[in-house]
Protein backbone atom coordinates (compact mmCIF):
# COMPACT_ATOMS: atom_id res chain seq x y z
CA MET A 1 135.98 77.14 -189.93
CA GLN A 2 135.42 73.73 -188.77
CA SER A 3 135.97 74.41 -184.98
CA LYS A 4 132.91 77.18 -185.12
CA ASN A 5 130.54 75.53 -186.40
CA ARG A 6 130.89 72.58 -183.90
CA PRO A 7 128.69 74.73 -181.27
CA TYR A 8 125.98 74.85 -183.44
CA VAL A 9 125.70 71.03 -184.87
CA PRO A 10 123.85 69.72 -181.93
CA TYR A 11 121.45 71.91 -182.73
CA ALA A 12 120.62 71.36 -186.56
CA ILE A 13 120.39 67.87 -185.40
CA LEU A 14 118.06 68.72 -183.02
CA LEU A 15 115.82 71.13 -185.36
CA ILE A 16 116.31 67.89 -188.36
CA ILE A 17 114.98 64.78 -185.11
CA ILE A 18 112.33 67.19 -184.43
CA ILE A 19 110.99 67.97 -187.88
CA LEU A 20 111.16 64.50 -188.69
CA LEU A 21 109.21 63.71 -185.25
CA GLY A 22 106.70 66.19 -186.08
CA ALA A 23 106.08 64.89 -189.63
CA PHE A 24 105.97 60.99 -188.89
CA LEU A 25 103.88 61.43 -185.94
CA HIS A 26 101.24 63.87 -188.51
CA TRP A 27 101.18 60.70 -190.62
CA LEU A 28 100.93 57.75 -188.33
CA GLY A 29 97.87 59.69 -186.96
CA GLY A 30 95.94 60.02 -190.57
CA PRO A 31 93.18 58.75 -191.04
CA ASP A 32 94.32 56.30 -193.71
CA LYS A 33 96.79 55.23 -191.40
CA LEU A 34 96.74 54.55 -187.47
CA ASN A 35 93.73 56.94 -186.83
CA ILE A 36 95.02 58.42 -183.39
CA GLY A 37 93.94 61.78 -183.39
CA PHE A 38 96.15 62.44 -180.20
CA PHE A 39 99.53 61.56 -182.58
CA TYR A 40 98.03 63.81 -185.83
CA TRP A 41 97.45 66.67 -183.89
CA ILE A 42 100.61 66.45 -181.93
CA GLY A 43 102.70 66.75 -185.32
CA LYS A 44 100.19 68.84 -186.45
CA ASP A 45 101.22 71.81 -184.02
CA ILE A 46 105.33 70.72 -184.11
CA TYR A 47 104.45 72.40 -187.71
CA ALA A 48 103.13 74.53 -186.36
CA SER A 49 105.60 75.90 -183.79
CA TYR A 50 108.42 74.83 -186.09
CA PRO A 51 109.41 78.98 -186.33
CA GLN A 52 109.35 79.52 -182.36
CA ILE A 53 111.64 76.05 -181.83
CA VAL A 54 114.12 77.78 -184.43
CA ALA A 55 114.58 80.76 -183.60
CA ILE A 56 114.83 79.40 -179.83
CA ALA A 57 117.55 77.09 -181.18
CA LEU A 58 119.40 79.62 -183.00
CA ALA A 59 118.92 81.90 -180.48
CA VAL A 60 121.02 79.39 -177.65
CA ALA A 61 123.35 77.78 -180.25
CA ILE A 62 124.91 81.88 -180.79
CA ALA A 63 125.09 82.78 -177.07
CA ARG A 64 128.35 81.76 -175.22
CA GLU A 65 127.33 79.79 -172.66
CA ASN A 66 123.80 78.12 -173.86
CA GLN A 67 121.75 80.05 -171.32
CA GLY A 68 117.85 79.75 -171.19
CA ALA A 69 118.25 83.79 -170.88
CA ALA A 70 119.16 83.41 -174.85
CA ALA A 71 116.11 80.98 -175.37
CA LEU A 72 113.52 83.67 -173.92
CA ALA A 73 114.69 86.75 -175.89
CA GLY A 74 114.70 83.92 -179.26
CA PHE A 75 110.95 83.49 -178.79
CA LEU A 76 110.01 87.09 -176.95
CA SER A 77 111.93 88.25 -180.46
CA PHE A 78 109.97 86.14 -182.42
CA GLU A 79 106.52 86.87 -180.93
CA VAL A 80 108.05 90.95 -181.70
CA ILE A 81 108.85 90.45 -184.64
CA THR A 82 105.78 88.90 -185.77
CA GLN A 83 103.24 90.95 -184.59
CA GLY A 84 104.76 93.68 -184.79
CA ALA A 85 105.08 93.50 -188.14
CA ALA A 86 101.61 91.85 -188.82
CA ALA A 87 99.86 94.97 -186.75
CA LEU A 88 101.47 97.59 -189.20
CA SER A 89 101.05 95.37 -192.58
CA THR A 90 97.31 94.28 -193.51
CA PRO A 91 98.53 90.96 -195.53
CA LEU A 92 100.50 90.05 -192.98
CA ALA A 93 97.96 90.41 -190.48
CA LYS A 94 95.87 87.57 -192.46
CA ILE A 95 98.91 85.26 -192.24
CA VAL A 96 99.64 85.76 -188.62
CA ASN A 97 96.34 85.30 -187.10
CA ASN A 98 95.99 81.88 -189.81
CA PRO A 99 98.25 79.71 -187.56
CA VAL A 100 97.36 77.18 -191.14
CA SER A 101 100.12 78.91 -192.66
CA TYR A 102 103.17 79.30 -190.23
CA TRP A 103 104.97 76.94 -192.16
CA ASN A 104 103.46 77.78 -195.55
CA ASP A 105 104.71 80.88 -195.42
CA SER A 106 108.39 82.30 -195.72
CA PHE A 107 107.62 85.27 -194.03
CA PHE A 108 107.82 82.90 -190.63
CA MET A 109 111.54 81.33 -190.68
CA VAL A 110 112.82 84.78 -192.27
CA CYS A 111 111.38 86.43 -188.64
CA ALA A 112 112.80 82.97 -186.96
CA ILE A 113 116.36 83.00 -188.24
CA THR A 114 116.11 87.09 -187.03
CA ALA A 115 114.67 87.04 -183.99
CA GLY A 116 117.49 84.15 -182.94
CA ILE A 117 120.55 86.54 -184.39
CA VAL A 118 119.17 89.28 -182.70
CA ALA A 119 118.77 87.00 -179.12
CA GLY A 120 121.81 85.29 -179.55
CA VAL A 121 123.94 88.19 -180.65
CA ALA A 122 122.18 90.32 -177.58
CA TYR A 123 123.00 87.92 -175.14
CA ASN A 124 126.01 88.00 -176.34
CA ARG A 125 126.88 91.73 -175.78
CA PHE A 126 124.67 92.72 -172.67
CA TYR A 127 124.68 89.49 -170.83
CA LYS A 128 127.31 91.13 -168.18
CA THR A 129 125.71 94.31 -168.14
CA LYS A 130 125.75 96.36 -164.58
CA LEU A 131 122.77 98.83 -164.21
CA PRO A 132 122.08 101.31 -161.60
CA ASP A 133 121.03 99.86 -157.88
CA TRP A 134 117.47 100.91 -158.55
CA LEU A 135 117.51 99.03 -161.22
CA GLY A 136 119.93 96.02 -160.34
CA PHE A 137 117.38 93.01 -160.80
CA PHE A 138 117.20 93.61 -164.51
CA GLY A 139 120.86 93.93 -165.03
CA GLY A 140 122.97 91.00 -166.53
CA ARG A 141 121.61 87.46 -168.31
CA ARG A 142 117.91 89.39 -167.25
CA SER A 143 119.02 92.69 -169.59
CA VAL A 144 119.28 90.00 -172.82
CA PRO A 145 114.63 89.41 -173.19
CA ILE A 146 114.27 93.29 -172.59
CA VAL A 147 117.44 94.81 -174.98
CA SER A 148 116.37 92.06 -177.78
CA ALA A 149 112.74 93.01 -177.75
CA ALA A 150 113.90 96.36 -177.64
CA ILE A 151 115.56 95.64 -180.79
CA SER A 152 113.34 94.02 -182.31
CA LEU A 153 110.48 96.66 -182.31
CA PHE A 154 112.98 98.23 -184.55
CA ILE A 155 112.59 94.95 -187.37
CA ALA A 156 109.38 94.09 -186.78
CA LEU A 157 108.94 98.31 -187.61
CA ILE A 158 110.84 97.71 -191.23
CA LEU A 159 109.09 94.38 -191.97
CA GLY A 160 105.65 95.66 -191.40
CA ASN A 161 107.01 98.61 -194.25
CA THR A 162 108.59 96.52 -196.56
CA TRP A 163 107.08 93.19 -196.36
CA HIS A 164 104.16 93.06 -198.71
């Protein structure tokens, strides 16, 4: 079991460092500390982007070769799931259109974990895909973001109709 968990450890540590850095910068730039708006807003933006960072890190950790195509697929899957579900559900649309709620709502972390798993598994399954010559450009690793976005559409359909 330890050898299976080994590739995930650097990404887990990276996620912890990122959230601590965001918290520290947000705290340091606050009006009661140094009052540096630059630090304050960077820390706040790290919080707002944390679900996307989780989706990317999880996709890269699951992918066999730690490729950038898996990272792109993770981000794309996250966006397709969140925006697709928001288009189908009025309560979710209010959450998605308010970036402050990113950290406060469990919906985004569920989407991030789901998107990361979908992208990582899609990479492992489709990174050697052969297509006909006229579609050859989209074969191999380039097919992974396309396939993961298609899978994410179905997940968005399910989440958009069930999450209230």
